[in-house]
Amino acid sequence: MEKAIGLGVVGLGRAFTLMLPTFLQDERVRLVAAADPRSNAREMFSRDFNAPAYEALEDLCGNPDVEAVYIASPHQFHAEHVRVVAAAGKAMLIEKPLAISLADCTRIVELAAQTKVPVIVGHSHSFDGPVLHAAAMLNSGIFGAVRMLNALNYTDFLYRPRRPEELDTRQGGGVVFSQAAHQIDIVRLLLGGLIDKVRACTGSWDSSRPTEGAYMALLTTHDGAFASATYSGYAHFDSDELMGDVSEMGYRKDSTAYGAARSRILHMDAAREAQLKIAGNYGGKDYRFKASPATPYHQHFGPVIISAERADIKLTPEGLVIYSDAERKFVSTPKRPVPRAEVVDELWDAVRLGLDPLHCARWARATTEVCIAILESAQTGKDVALQFQVAPSRPVPNPDERELRDEYDH
């Protein structure tokens, strides 16, 4: 194998905390530098990885060991950070959402085209194994055209510890920018990417969390397919019950923990809540890295059911259930030993093999366009037509495609 990609990180917060198990376990990447305004996070990184940590992104980009930069800073800083990294000629892995305005998304798309640096946007749950498996199966045509899709997720997202800007929609807060970015990416990948119109409603039902905590969207495509996407982060019903009590991160849930999110922040003011979040993430006083135990389950983003012309397909944490004309069949999705290895797949393919990424800047702009349209439609009560939609740039590989084609292609 070629040498590992030297990866720098800007933003050692929650996103980095969640991706760290991947970076530690995947031999294709090596953490070589970081940038963060917090001195305690920088000190922890230098100690943990025997690598430099800078206050300024420009200094990180000047490090010759850095081949690619993981942009894990808050949403509102993505566009400026992309400008700096692109000017340095480094490849980029950018956390979703790409940005919080279409103007900033377009600037990123243009920078990527001008500099020809590889840009991958993720992690999002459209990288999950069963999602990629289903997309590849549908693209093969063995079940005919996709006609309808239902996706829903009920979580405690809004009641996890938050910084004030995470509860301010104008700064990229709320469930639409943070959570629809996952769900819409899944829906677009399974429908072929080209959403035509959006009609949506949003809910903001708790004055102490003054941002969107729920949405319901109807998406239509140019060829007549349609999808519903529903999300609630209000910490009541938990749709993991519909996923066999497997959590978003792929672990069995503790059913006795109901209500823990709300009770944890009860009676906290905004400053104390923000400190609680900082303390629990990388560099915080309460942060302790714990190696993730092996799990047989894939990560997921709630129930998804696809209706094609000759079958319905249900995504599960273990694979796909196919309801075809003649039978109901479970097809296992191979589980990778490294969590979120699919993200590193695209980074490796782009940096080492020169392949176009599936989750490129143009793809991510199209997903963000749908998210912004959800907010606009909810405000105006009207359909919103889209203009930046794109199809996937390349086919999604499917490990079981030959077996399925032999069985179902009558």
Protein backbone atom coordinates (compact mmCIF):
# COMPACT_ATOMS: atom_id res chain seq x y z
CA MET A 1 0.00 0.00 0.00
CA GLU A 2 1.12 3.55 -0.69
CA LYS A 3 1.98 5.71 2.26
CA ALA A 4 -0.83 7.07 4.42
CA ILE A 5 -2.32 10.44 3.56
CA GLY A 6 -0.97 13.16 5.85
CA LEU A 7 -4.12 14.72 7.28
CA GLY A 8 -4.40 18.10 8.99
CA VAL A 9 -7.51 19.07 10.94
CA VAL A 10 -9.06 22.50 11.40
CA GLY A 11 -11.54 22.45 14.26
CA LEU A 12 -11.03 19.94 17.06
CA GLY A 13 -14.65 19.95 18.21
CA ARG A 14 -17.60 17.57 18.04
CA ALA A 15 -17.20 16.50 14.41
CA PHE A 16 -13.53 15.66 14.94
CA THR A 17 -14.42 13.78 18.13
CA LEU A 18 -16.82 11.58 16.14
CA MET A 19 -14.38 11.01 13.26
CA LEU A 20 -11.35 10.34 15.49
CA PRO A 21 -11.99 6.55 15.80
CA THR A 22 -11.89 6.36 12.00
CA PHE A 23 -8.65 8.31 11.72
CA LEU A 24 -7.02 6.20 14.41
CA GLN A 25 -8.04 2.85 12.95
CA ASP A 26 -7.73 3.43 9.21
CA GLU A 27 -4.13 2.94 8.08
CA ARG A 28 -4.71 5.02 4.96
CA VAL A 29 -4.64 8.30 6.92
CA ARG A 30 -2.22 9.74 9.48
CA LEU A 31 -2.95 12.78 11.65
CA VAL A 32 0.00 15.15 11.15
CA ALA A 33 -1.22 18.61 12.24
CA ALA A 34 -4.19 20.57 13.58
CA ALA A 35 -5.48 24.12 13.96
CA ASP A 36 -7.87 25.30 16.65
CA PRO A 37 -8.30 28.56 18.62
CA ARG A 38 -8.41 26.67 21.95
CA SER A 39 -5.02 26.19 23.54
CA ASN A 40 -6.13 23.16 25.57
CA ALA A 41 -7.28 21.36 22.39
CA ARG A 42 -4.01 22.18 20.65
CA GLU A 43 -1.99 20.90 23.59
CA MET A 44 -3.97 17.65 23.71
CA PHE A 45 -3.52 17.08 19.99
CA SER A 46 0.25 17.69 20.13
CA ARG A 47 0.54 15.33 23.08
CA ASP A 48 -1.66 12.60 21.59
CA PHE A 49 -0.17 12.58 18.09
CA ASN A 50 3.31 14.04 18.56
CA ALA A 51 2.38 16.56 15.89
CA PRO A 52 2.18 20.36 15.67
CA ALA A 53 -1.04 22.21 16.44
CA TYR A 54 -1.47 25.80 15.30
CA GLU A 55 -3.73 28.67 16.19
CA ALA A 56 -3.97 29.79 12.56
CA LEU A 57 -5.12 27.69 9.62
CA GLU A 58 -2.58 29.38 7.37
CA ASP A 59 0.24 27.91 9.47
CA LEU A 60 -1.26 24.42 9.20
CA CYS A 61 -1.48 24.78 5.41
CA GLY A 62 2.20 25.71 5.32
CA ASN A 63 3.19 22.37 6.84
CA PRO A 64 4.61 20.18 4.03
CA ASP A 65 3.46 16.99 5.79
CA VAL A 66 -0.18 18.03 5.30
CA GLU A 67 -1.57 16.58 2.06
CA ALA A 68 -5.25 17.00 2.90
CA VAL A 69 -7.20 19.07 5.41
CA TYR A 70 -10.30 17.94 7.28
CA ILE A 71 -12.41 21.10 7.69
CA ALA A 72 -14.39 20.41 10.85
CA SER A 73 -14.90 24.01 11.94
CA PRO A 74 -18.39 25.47 12.64
CA HIS A 75 -20.62 25.68 9.57
CA GLN A 76 -20.40 29.45 9.18
CA PHE A 77 -16.60 29.32 8.73
CA HIS A 78 -16.44 26.67 6.02
CA ALA A 79 -16.31 29.01 3.01
CA GLU A 80 -13.39 31.05 4.35
CA HIS A 81 -11.49 27.99 5.49
CA VAL A 82 -11.96 26.37 2.08
CA ARG A 83 -10.51 29.51 0.46
CA VAL A 84 -7.36 29.25 2.59
CA VAL A 85 -6.89 25.52 2.04
CA ALA A 86 -7.57 25.71 -1.70
CA ALA A 87 -5.00 28.50 -2.07
CA ALA A 88 -2.46 26.15 -0.49
CA GLY A 89 -3.30 23.42 -2.99
CA LYS A 90 -4.36 20.87 -0.36
CA ALA A 91 -7.10 18.29 -0.81
CA MET A 92 -10.13 18.75 1.44
CA LEU A 93 -12.54 16.67 3.46
CA ILE A 94 -15.26 19.12 4.51
CA GLU A 95 -17.84 18.41 7.19
CA LYS A 96 -21.46 18.78 6.13
CA PRO A 97 -23.12 21.09 5.41
CA LEU A 98 -20.83 22.48 2.72
CA ALA A 99 -21.85 26.01 3.81
CA ILE A 100 -24.99 27.79 5.01
CA SER A 101 -25.73 29.90 1.93
CA LEU A 102 -25.89 29.04 -1.75
CA ALA A 103 -23.52 31.91 -2.50
CA ASP A 104 -20.86 30.41 -0.25
CA CYS A 105 -21.51 26.92 -1.66
CA THR A 106 -21.03 28.26 -5.17
CA ARG A 107 -17.78 29.98 -4.20
CA ILE A 108 -16.51 26.63 -2.89
CA VAL A 109 -17.59 24.85 -6.09
CA GLU A 110 -15.79 27.47 -8.17
CA LEU A 111 -12.63 27.28 -6.04
CA ALA A 112 -12.55 23.52 -6.42
CA ALA A 113 -12.89 23.84 -10.19
CA GLN A 114 -10.26 26.57 -10.47
CA THR A 115 -7.63 24.96 -8.24
CA LYS A 116 -8.49 21.35 -9.19
CA VAL A 117 -7.93 20.27 -5.59
CA PRO A 118 -9.98 17.22 -4.55
CA VAL A 119 -13.00 18.07 -2.38
CA ILE A 120 -14.98 15.43 -0.48
CA VAL A 121 -17.90 16.50 1.72
CA GLY A 122 -18.67 14.27 4.69
CA HIS A 123 -19.23 12.47 6.87
CA SER A 124 -22.92 12.23 6.14
CA HIS A 125 -25.06 9.15 6.56
CA SER A 126 -25.24 8.71 2.79
CA PHE A 127 -21.81 7.07 3.30
CA ASP A 128 -23.45 4.33 5.41
CA GLY A 129 -22.98 0.85 3.99
CA PRO A 130 -26.67 -0.05 3.53
CA VAL A 131 -27.35 3.30 1.81
CA LEU A 132 -24.53 2.76 -0.70
CA HIS A 133 -25.63 -0.87 -1.12
CA ALA A 134 -29.22 0.16 -1.89
CA ALA A 135 -28.11 2.96 -4.24
CA ALA A 136 -25.93 0.59 -6.25
CA MET A 137 -28.71 -2.01 -6.43
CA LEU A 138 -31.23 0.56 -7.64
CA ASN A 139 -28.77 1.95 -10.19
CA SER A 140 -28.36 -1.54 -11.64
CA GLY A 141 -32.01 -1.42 -12.74
CA ILE A 142 -32.93 -4.88 -11.49
CA PHE A 143 -36.03 -3.54 -9.72
CA GLY A 144 -36.98 -0.92 -12.27
CA ALA A 145 -37.23 2.80 -11.67
CA VAL A 146 -37.53 4.26 -8.18
CA ARG A 147 -41.01 5.76 -7.71
CA MET A 148 -41.35 6.69 -4.03
CA LEU A 149 -39.26 6.94 -0.86
CA ASN A 150 -40.09 7.50 2.80
CA ALA A 151 -37.42 8.56 5.32
CA LEU A 152 -38.00 9.54 8.93
CA ASN A 153 -35.97 10.07 12.06
CA TYR A 154 -36.98 11.03 15.60
CA THR A 155 -34.09 11.87 17.96
CA ASP A 156 -33.05 14.00 20.93
CA PHE A 157 -30.85 16.25 18.75
CA LEU A 158 -32.20 19.59 19.96
CA TYR A 159 -31.57 18.74 23.63
CA ARG A 160 -27.96 17.67 23.37
CA PRO A 161 -25.63 20.33 24.80
CA ARG A 162 -25.44 23.23 22.35
CA ARG A 163 -23.49 26.41 21.81
CA PRO A 164 -25.75 29.48 21.30
CA GLU A 165 -25.05 29.66 17.55
CA GLU A 166 -26.25 26.06 17.17
CA LEU A 167 -29.71 27.31 18.16
CA ASP A 168 -29.60 30.21 15.67
CA THR A 169 -30.74 29.30 12.16
CA ARG A 170 -28.95 32.31 10.68
CA GLN A 171 -25.64 30.84 11.84
CA GLY A 172 -26.41 27.34 10.57
CA GLY A 173 -28.14 26.13 13.72
CA GLY A 174 -31.22 23.94 14.03
CA VAL A 175 -32.07 20.57 12.56
CA VAL A 176 -32.31 21.61 8.91
CA PHE A 177 -28.66 22.50 8.36
CA SER A 178 -27.28 19.84 10.71
CA GLN A 179 -29.68 16.91 10.28
CA ALA A 180 -31.44 17.39 6.95
CA ALA A 181 -27.94 17.51 5.49
CA HIS A 182 -27.76 13.79 6.39
CA GLN A 183 -31.28 12.82 5.43
CA ILE A 184 -31.50 14.76 2.18
CA ASP A 185 -28.13 13.37 1.07
CA ILE A 186 -29.53 9.86 1.57
CA VAL A 187 -32.76 10.67 -0.28
CA ARG A 188 -30.94 12.29 -3.21
CA LEU A 189 -28.51 9.41 -3.59
CA LEU A 190 -31.33 6.85 -3.65
CA LEU A 191 -33.48 8.92 -6.04
CA GLY A 192 -30.61 9.68 -8.42
CA GLY A 193 -29.76 13.17 -7.18
CA LEU A 194 -32.04 15.34 -9.31
CA ILE A 195 -34.67 16.90 -7.05
CA ASP A 196 -36.98 19.24 -8.96
CA LYS A 197 -39.17 20.90 -6.31
CA VAL A 198 -39.50 21.08 -2.52
CA ARG A 199 -42.59 21.72 -0.39
CA ALA A 200 -42.02 21.72 3.37
CA CYS A 201 -43.13 22.69 6.85
CA THR A 202 -40.88 23.23 9.85
CA GLY A 203 -41.56 23.28 13.57
CA SER A 204 -40.08 25.50 16.28
CA TRP A 205 -42.00 24.51 19.38
CA ASP A 206 -39.75 25.31 22.35
CA SER A 207 -38.95 28.96 23.06
CA SER A 208 -35.85 27.91 25.02
CA ARG A 209 -34.47 26.31 21.82
CA PRO A 210 -35.34 29.11 19.32
CA THR A 211 -34.67 27.31 16.04
CA GLU A 212 -36.22 24.63 13.88
CA GLY A 213 -36.50 21.37 15.77
CA ALA A 214 -38.57 19.47 13.20
CA TYR A 215 -39.44 19.43 9.53
CA MET A 216 -41.47 17.48 7.01
CA ALA A 217 -40.61 17.82 3.33
CA LEU A 218 -42.07 16.52 0.07
CA LEU A 219 -39.45 16.25 -2.67
CA THR A 220 -40.30 15.60 -6.31
CA THR A 221 -38.03 14.75 -9.23
CA HIS A 222 -38.18 15.68 -12.90
CA ASP A 223 -39.31 12.17 -13.85
CA GLY A 224 -42.21 11.97 -11.40
CA ALA A 225 -40.65 10.18 -8.41
CA PHE A 226 -41.36 11.61 -4.98
CA ALA A 227 -40.07 11.32 -1.41
CA SER A 228 -41.10 12.37 2.06
CA ALA A 229 -38.44 13.32 4.58
CA THR A 230 -39.50 13.75 8.21
CA TYR A 231 -37.34 14.66 11.18
CA SER A 232 -37.93 15.61 14.81
CA GLY A 233 -35.23 16.39 17.35
CA TYR A 234 -37.58 17.05 20.26
CA ALA A 235 -36.49 14.10 22.41
CA HIS A 236 -39.82 12.32 22.78
CA PHE A 237 -40.35 9.35 20.44
CA ASP A 238 -37.09 7.67 19.40
CA SER A 239 -37.24 6.10 15.94
CA ASP A 240 -34.31 3.82 16.83
CA GLU A 241 -37.13 1.64 18.20
CA LEU A 242 -37.96 0.99 14.55
CA MET A 243 -34.33 0.05 13.84
CA GLY A 244 -34.15 -2.81 16.33
CA ASP A 245 -33.03 -0.48 19.14
CA VAL A 246 -29.74 0.12 17.33
CA SER A 247 -28.44 3.67 17.73
CA GLU A 248 -27.38 6.07 14.99
CA MET A 249 -23.74 5.14 15.71
CA GLY A 250 -24.46 1.42 15.36
CA TYR A 251 -24.66 0.31 19.00
CA ARG A 252 -27.43 -1.28 21.04
CA LYS A 253 -29.36 1.35 22.98
CA ASP A 254 -30.03 1.39 26.70
CA SER A 255 -33.80 1.55 27.00
CA THR A 256 -33.52 2.84 30.57
CA ALA A 257 -31.88 6.08 29.39
CA TYR A 258 -35.13 7.61 28.12
CA GLY A 259 -35.25 11.35 28.89
CA ALA A 260 -31.52 11.63 29.62
CA ALA A 261 -30.90 14.39 27.07
CA ARG A 262 -33.55 16.75 28.42
CA SER A 263 -32.72 16.09 32.08
CA ARG A 264 -29.00 16.69 31.52
CA ILE A 265 -29.47 20.32 30.48
CA LEU A 266 -32.48 21.06 32.69
CA HIS A 267 -32.13 24.44 34.45
CA MET A 268 -28.84 25.24 32.67
CA ASP A 269 -28.31 28.70 31.22
CA ALA A 270 -26.76 29.11 27.75
CA ALA A 271 -23.24 29.73 29.01
CA ARG A 272 -23.19 26.66 31.23
CA GLU A 273 -24.66 24.49 28.49
CA ALA A 274 -22.00 25.64 26.02
CA GLN A 275 -19.30 24.84 28.55
CA LEU A 276 -20.78 21.38 29.06
CA LYS A 277 -20.49 20.70 25.33
CA ILE A 278 -16.92 22.00 25.14
CA ALA A 279 -15.90 19.97 28.19
CA GLY A 280 -17.07 16.70 26.65
CA ASN A 281 -15.42 17.09 23.26
CA TYR A 282 -11.78 16.74 22.27
CA GLY A 283 -9.61 19.06 24.35
CA GLY A 284 -12.27 19.49 27.02
CA LYS A 285 -11.68 18.77 30.70
CA ASP A 286 -14.10 15.82 30.70
CA TYR A 287 -12.96 14.29 27.41
CA ARG A 288 -11.51 10.81 27.58
CA PHE A 289 -10.93 8.80 24.43
CA LYS A 290 -12.56 5.39 24.55
CA ALA A 291 -11.81 2.82 21.88
CA SER A 292 -15.08 1.88 20.20
CA PRO A 293 -16.01 -1.77 20.77
CA ALA A 294 -16.74 -3.85 17.71
CA THR A 295 -20.37 -3.84 16.61
CA PRO A 296 -22.12 -5.96 13.98
CA TYR A 297 -24.36 -3.04 13.04
CA HIS A 298 -23.95 -0.25 10.51
CA GLN A 299 -24.53 3.36 11.43
CA HIS A 300 -27.87 4.69 10.20
CA PHE A 301 -30.17 7.71 10.06
CA GLY A 302 -33.53 6.19 10.83
CA PRO A 303 -35.99 4.14 8.79
CA VAL A 304 -35.85 4.42 5.00
CA ILE A 305 -38.22 2.55 2.67
CA ILE A 306 -37.80 2.75 -1.10
CA SER A 307 -40.53 1.81 -3.56
CA ALA A 308 -39.31 0.80 -7.01
CA GLU A 309 -41.40 -0.61 -9.85
CA ARG A 310 -40.75 -4.25 -8.94
CA ALA A 311 -39.87 -4.15 -5.24
CA ASP A 312 -39.84 -2.25 -1.99
CA ILE A 313 -36.52 -2.05 -0.14
CA LYS A 314 -36.14 -1.38 3.59
CA LEU A 315 -32.79 -0.28 5.00
CA THR A 316 -31.73 -1.82 8.32
CA PRO A 317 -28.56 -1.60 10.45
CA GLU A 318 -27.53 -5.00 9.07
CA GLY A 319 -28.45 -4.67 5.42
CA LEU A 320 -31.49 -4.58 3.15
CA VAL A 321 -34.86 -6.29 3.21
CA ILE A 322 -36.18 -6.71 -0.32
CA TYR A 323 -39.91 -7.17 -0.88
CA SER A 324 -40.04 -8.25 -4.53
CA ASP A 325 -42.92 -9.58 -6.60
CA ALA A 326 -42.35 -13.17 -5.48
CA GLU A 327 -40.61 -13.10 -2.10
CA ARG A 328 -39.28 -11.25 0.92
CA LYS A 329 -35.48 -11.56 1.15
CA PHE A 330 -32.83 -10.17 3.51
CA VAL A 331 -29.48 -9.22 1.93
CA SER A 332 -26.63 -8.52 4.33
CA THR A 333 -24.44 -5.48 3.72
CA PRO A 334 -20.79 -6.33 4.45
CA LYS A 335 -19.61 -4.55 7.59
CA ARG A 336 -16.24 -2.82 7.49
CA PRO A 337 -13.99 -3.21 10.59
CA VAL A 338 -13.21 0.53 10.63
CA PRO A 339 -16.18 2.83 11.35
CA ARG A 340 -16.93 5.29 8.53
CA ALA A 341 -14.24 3.71 6.36
CA GLU A 342 -16.33 4.72 3.34
CA VAL A 343 -15.32 8.35 3.95
CA VAL A 344 -11.64 7.43 3.77
CA ASP A 345 -12.39 5.36 0.65
CA GLU A 346 -13.36 8.53 -1.22
CA LEU A 347 -10.47 10.56 0.22
CA TRP A 348 -7.97 7.85 -0.76
CA ASP A 349 -9.46 7.40 -4.22
CA ALA A 350 -9.29 11.15 -4.86
CA VAL A 351 -5.83 11.86 -3.42
CA ARG A 352 -3.97 8.66 -4.31
CA LEU A 353 -5.85 7.40 -7.39
CA GLY A 354 -7.09 10.66 -8.90
CA LEU A 355 -10.71 9.52 -9.05
CA ASP A 356 -13.63 11.94 -8.88
CA PRO A 357 -15.39 11.73 -5.51
CA LEU A 358 -19.05 10.83 -5.30
CA HIS A 359 -19.60 13.36 -2.48
CA CYS A 360 -17.98 16.28 -4.30
CA ALA A 361 -18.59 20.02 -3.82
CA ARG A 362 -21.25 20.17 -6.56
CA TRP A 363 -23.09 17.24 -4.98
CA ALA A 364 -22.96 18.88 -1.54
CA ARG A 365 -24.18 22.22 -2.93
CA ALA A 366 -27.22 20.41 -4.34
CA THR A 367 -27.98 18.90 -0.93
CA THR A 368 -27.59 22.28 0.77
CA GLU A 369 -29.90 23.80 -1.86
CA VAL A 370 -32.63 21.36 -0.79
CA CYS A 371 -32.05 22.21 2.89
CA ILE A 372 -32.34 25.93 2.20
CA ALA A 373 -35.46 25.26 0.12
CA ILE A 374 -37.03 23.49 3.12
CA LEU A 375 -36.62 26.67 5.16
CA GLU A 376 -37.87 28.88 2.31
CA SER A 377 -40.92 26.73 1.59
CA ALA A 378 -41.84 26.64 5.27
CA GLN A 379 -41.73 30.44 5.37
CA THR A 380 -43.61 31.09 2.13
CA GLY A 381 -46.01 28.13 2.06
CA LYS A 382 -45.06 27.55 -1.58
CA ASP A 383 -43.16 25.06 -3.70
CA VAL A 384 -39.52 25.97 -4.25
CA ALA A 385 -37.94 25.08 -7.60
CA LEU A 386 -34.27 24.08 -7.60
CA GLN A 387 -31.46 24.93 -10.02
CA PHE A 388 -28.21 23.33 -8.77
CA GLN A 389 -29.17 19.66 -8.70
CA VAL A 390 -26.71 17.10 -10.06
CA ALA A 391 -26.66 13.35 -10.54
CA PRO A 392 -23.95 11.24 -8.89
CA SER A 393 -20.62 11.75 -10.66
CA ARG A 394 -19.89 8.02 -10.80
CA PRO A 395 -21.58 4.67 -10.13
CA VAL A 396 -21.77 3.32 -6.59
CA PRO A 397 -20.01 -0.06 -6.30
CA ASN A 398 -22.17 -2.93 -5.05
CA PRO A 399 -20.54 -6.07 -3.62
CA ASP A 400 -23.69 -8.14 -4.20
CA GLU A 401 -24.77 -6.79 -7.60
CA ARG A 402 -23.90 -9.91 -9.64
CA GLU A 403 -25.66 -12.26 -7.21
CA LEU A 404 -28.77 -10.08 -7.12
CA ARG A 405 -28.90 -9.62 -10.87
CA ASP A 406 -28.74 -13.39 -11.42
CA GLU A 407 -31.59 -13.90 -8.96
CA TYR A 408 -33.96 -11.05 -9.80
CA ASP A 409 -33.32 -10.13 -13.44
CA HIS A 410 -36.02 -12.37 -14.94
